[in-house]
Amino acid sequence: MGDRAHGSFSDRISDRRIREKLVDVLEMPQELVLDFPRIVLVGNARALIENHKGLIEYTSDKVRVSVSLGELVVSGANLVIARISSDEIAVEGSISSVSFTG
């Protein structure tokens, strides 16, 4: 039985389909309407993560960020959080990989 506060699974699927149609009709960016993260990489030196849900873990070789799809992991060396706000995180250093886990 679905939680009324969060809606049932079928309600969330229906809501997502409505938002997907809005993206097509209104020609709006998917990441805004569908609550997707947006990741911009500048070479291997900088990752800008927009539309995040919070910082999970931060070390000099790994940054884990909560996103609507699960978790985004930036791995590398000498990683630093150059900037963090309620909607974006900028990671700088020598980035070797970016991955999603669900």
Foldseek 3Di string as FASTA:
>chain_A
DDDPVVDDPVVVVVQQVVLVVCCVVVVDDCCVSNLFWDWDDDDQFKIKIFSFQAWDDDDQAWTWTHGPVGIKIWGDGRWDFPDDDRTMTMIGDRTDDIDDDD
